[in-house]
Structures are given as C-alpha cells and as structure tokens.
Amino acid sequence: MSKCRVRIVVSGRVQGVFFRASTISIAASLGLGGRVRNREDGSVEITAEGERDKLNELAHWCRQGPEDARVDDIELEWGEYLSEFDGFTTEF
C-alpha cells in the first residue's frame, strides 16, 4: 500500500450540518490523519494523509456527507505523504 495526501474541498450545504464532526469520525475509522475546517466561502476543506485506498473511501463518503448535507461538488488535489498529522482534528 502506498501512502499519500489529499486535499478535498466540498461545496454545497456543508456547514451547520455536522460535516466536520462526521468527517473526523469517518477519518478516524479509516485510520487517517489530517484536519477539517470550514472556509469563509461556505465550503469545507479536508486535508488527509494515509493509505491511498482509505483516502479514496473518504473522498467517496464526501460526495454525500452526513444526512443533512447537500453536496454540490468536490475537488480533489493529490499530493505527497508528509507524515504531518497525528490523528484527525478540526481547525478553526
């Protein structure tokens, strides 16, 4: 398995619907490290590191998100694994 990094920007109705909390739960269950934050434009940005197949699972989940979310679009940007994170957190 190869480790890498992905930056995911999720657009739609994704703030105020527990998207960040749900992301942390999903990412932890997948064994990923990273952070999630709300952006001023109303989107949610996720930076995650780990096994590529697990990152793909996270990206797939992001296409729907939690129950009350409405995801209009996601952007993925793949990068090199940097071993930057210890666990998964919310950034304010």
C-alpha atoms as a PDB file:
ATOM      1  CA  MET A   1       0.000   0.000   0.000  1.00  0.00           C
ATOM      2  CA  SER A   2       1.196   3.477  -0.780  1.00  0.00           C
ATOM      3  CA  LYS A   3       0.651   6.446   1.463  1.00  0.00           C
ATOM      4  CA  CYS A   4      -0.223   9.855   0.113  1.00  0.00           C
ATOM      5  CA  ARG A   5      -2.087  13.050   0.900  1.00  0.00           C
ATOM      6  CA  VAL A   6      -5.300  14.515  -0.438  1.00  0.00           C
ATOM      7  CA  ARG A   7      -6.914  17.924  -0.119  1.00  0.00           C
ATOM      8  CA  ILE A   8     -10.687  17.794  -0.568  1.00  0.00           C
ATOM      9  CA  VAL A   9     -12.889  20.871  -0.909  1.00  0.00           C
ATOM     10  CA  VAL A  10     -16.594  20.110  -0.541  1.00  0.00           C
ATOM     11  CA  SER A  11     -19.165  22.645  -1.776  1.00  0.00           C
ATOM     12  CA  GLY A  12     -22.904  22.828  -1.184  1.00  0.00           C
ATOM     13  CA  ARG A  13     -24.855  22.946   2.063  1.00  0.00           C
ATOM     14  CA  VAL A  14     -21.996  21.552   4.109  1.00  0.00           C
ATOM     15  CA  GLN A  15     -21.698  23.926   7.059  1.00  0.00           C
ATOM     16  CA  GLY A  16     -24.003  23.652  10.063  1.00  0.00           C
ATOM     17  CA  VAL A  17     -24.877  20.032   9.245  1.00  0.00           C
ATOM     18  CA  PHE A  18     -22.179  18.237  11.303  1.00  0.00           C
ATOM     19  CA  PHE A  19     -19.941  17.757   8.267  1.00  0.00           C
ATOM     20  CA  ARG A  20     -16.739  18.422  10.231  1.00  0.00           C
ATOM     21  CA  ALA A  21     -17.692  16.140  13.141  1.00  0.00           C
ATOM     22  CA  SER A  22     -18.777  13.388  10.761  1.00  0.00           C
ATOM     23  CA  THR A  23     -15.549  13.737   8.764  1.00  0.00           C
ATOM     24  CA  ILE A  24     -13.491  13.274  11.922  1.00  0.00           C
ATOM     25  CA  SER A  25     -15.434  10.130  12.805  1.00  0.00           C
ATOM     26  CA  ILE A  26     -15.121   8.628   9.307  1.00  0.00           C
ATOM     27  CA  ALA A  27     -11.429   9.545   9.008  1.00  0.00           C
ATOM     28  CA  ALA A  28     -10.634   8.046  12.411  1.00  0.00           C
ATOM     29  CA  SER A  29     -12.407   4.811  11.495  1.00  0.00           C
ATOM     30  CA  LEU A  30     -10.264   4.659   8.341  1.00  0.00           C
ATOM     31  CA  GLY A  31      -7.040   5.273  10.275  1.00  0.00           C
ATOM     32  CA  LEU A  32      -6.305   8.593   8.569  1.00  0.00           C
ATOM     33  CA  GLY A  33      -4.568  11.656   9.913  1.00  0.00           C
ATOM     34  CA  GLY A  34      -5.468  15.198   8.996  1.00  0.00           C
ATOM     35  CA  ARG A  35      -7.680  18.177   9.631  1.00  0.00           C
ATOM     36  CA  VAL A  36     -11.015  19.594   8.521  1.00  0.00           C
ATOM     37  CA  ARG A  37     -12.146  23.213   8.519  1.00  0.00           C
ATOM     38  CA  ASN A  38     -14.969  25.470   7.395  1.00  0.00           C
ATOM     39  CA  ARG A  39     -13.985  28.026   4.773  1.00  0.00           C
ATOM     40  CA  GLU A  40     -15.351  31.551   4.517  1.00  0.00           C
ATOM     41  CA  ASP A  41     -16.996  30.766   1.160  1.00  0.00           C
ATOM     42  CA  GLY A  42     -19.274  28.166   2.827  1.00  0.00           C
ATOM     43  CA  SER A  43     -17.317  25.113   1.714  1.00  0.00           C
ATOM     44  CA  VAL A  44     -15.476  22.581   3.873  1.00  0.00           C
ATOM     45  CA  GLU A  45     -11.790  21.804   3.325  1.00  0.00           C
ATOM     46  CA  ILE A  46     -10.247  18.496   4.352  1.00  0.00           C
ATOM     47  CA  THR A  47      -6.558  17.655   4.308  1.00  0.00           C
ATOM     48  CA  ALA A  48      -5.907  13.982   4.970  1.00  0.00           C
ATOM     49  CA  GLU A  49      -2.986  11.569   4.854  1.00  0.00           C
ATOM     50  CA  GLY A  50      -2.840   7.798   4.846  1.00  0.00           C
ATOM     51  CA  GLU A  51      -3.217   4.774   2.604  1.00  0.00           C
ATOM     52  CA  ARG A  52      -4.498   5.762  -0.830  1.00  0.00           C
ATOM     53  CA  ASP A  53      -7.397   3.282  -0.768  1.00  0.00           C
ATOM     54  CA  LYS A  54      -8.584   4.703   2.577  1.00  0.00           C
ATOM     55  CA  LEU A  55      -8.302   8.256   1.236  1.00  0.00           C
ATOM     56  CA  ASN A  56     -10.433   7.175  -1.734  1.00  0.00           C
ATOM     57  CA  GLU A  57     -13.034   5.855   0.729  1.00  0.00           C
ATOM     58  CA  LEU A  58     -13.051   9.239   2.492  1.00  0.00           C
ATOM     59  CA  ALA A  59     -13.415  11.057  -0.832  1.00  0.00           C
ATOM     60  CA  HIS A  60     -16.287   8.751  -1.796  1.00  0.00           C
ATOM     61  CA  TRP A  61     -18.046   9.493   1.516  1.00  0.00           C
ATOM     62  CA  CYS A  62     -17.539  13.240   0.935  1.00  0.00           C
ATOM     63  CA  ARG A  63     -19.633  13.043  -2.235  1.00  0.00           C
ATOM     64  CA  GLN A  64     -22.683  12.576   0.010  1.00  0.00           C
ATOM     65  CA  GLY A  65     -21.590  13.629   3.502  1.00  0.00           C
ATOM     66  CA  PRO A  66     -23.778  13.385   6.597  1.00  0.00           C
ATOM     67  CA  GLU A  67     -27.568  13.068   6.432  1.00  0.00           C
ATOM     68  CA  ASP A  68     -28.473  16.789   6.369  1.00  0.00           C
ATOM     69  CA  ALA A  69     -25.734  17.831   3.940  1.00  0.00           C
ATOM     70  CA  ARG A  70     -26.249  18.636   0.261  1.00  0.00           C
ATOM     71  CA  VAL A  71     -23.009  18.176  -1.639  1.00  0.00           C
ATOM     72  CA  ASP A  72     -22.908  20.018  -4.957  1.00  0.00           C
ATOM     73  CA  ASP A  73     -19.257  19.408  -5.838  1.00  0.00           C
ATOM     74  CA  ILE A  74     -15.956  18.116  -4.505  1.00  0.00           C
ATOM     75  CA  GLU A  75     -12.451  18.985  -5.662  1.00  0.00           C
ATOM     76  CA  LEU A  76      -9.568  16.589  -5.067  1.00  0.00           C
ATOM     77  CA  GLU A  77      -5.897  17.524  -5.074  1.00  0.00           C
ATOM     78  CA  TRP A  78      -3.480  14.623  -4.526  1.00  0.00           C
ATOM     79  CA  GLY A  79      -0.015  15.116  -3.086  1.00  0.00           C
ATOM     80  CA  GLU A  80       2.962  13.537  -1.416  1.00  0.00           C
ATOM     81  CA  TYR A  81       2.652  11.938   2.029  1.00  0.00           C
ATOM     82  CA  LEU A  82       4.340  14.247   4.560  1.00  0.00           C
ATOM     83  CA  SER A  83       3.555  12.461   7.847  1.00  0.00           C
ATOM     84  CA  GLU A  84       2.345  15.808   9.170  1.00  0.00           C
ATOM     85  CA  PHE A  85      -0.616  14.693  11.291  1.00  0.00           C
ATOM     86  CA  ASP A  86      -1.125  12.755  14.486  1.00  0.00           C
ATOM     87  CA  GLY A  87      -4.837  11.946  14.448  1.00  0.00           C
ATOM     88  CA  PHE A  88      -7.659  13.935  12.869  1.00  0.00           C
ATOM     89  CA  THR A  89      -8.751  17.369  14.149  1.00  0.00           C
ATOM     90  CA  THR A  90     -10.922  20.370  13.418  1.00  0.00           C
ATOM     91  CA  GLU A  91      -9.115  23.559  12.522  1.00  0.00           C
ATOM     92  CA  PHE A  92     -10.838  26.828  13.386  1.00  0.00           C
END
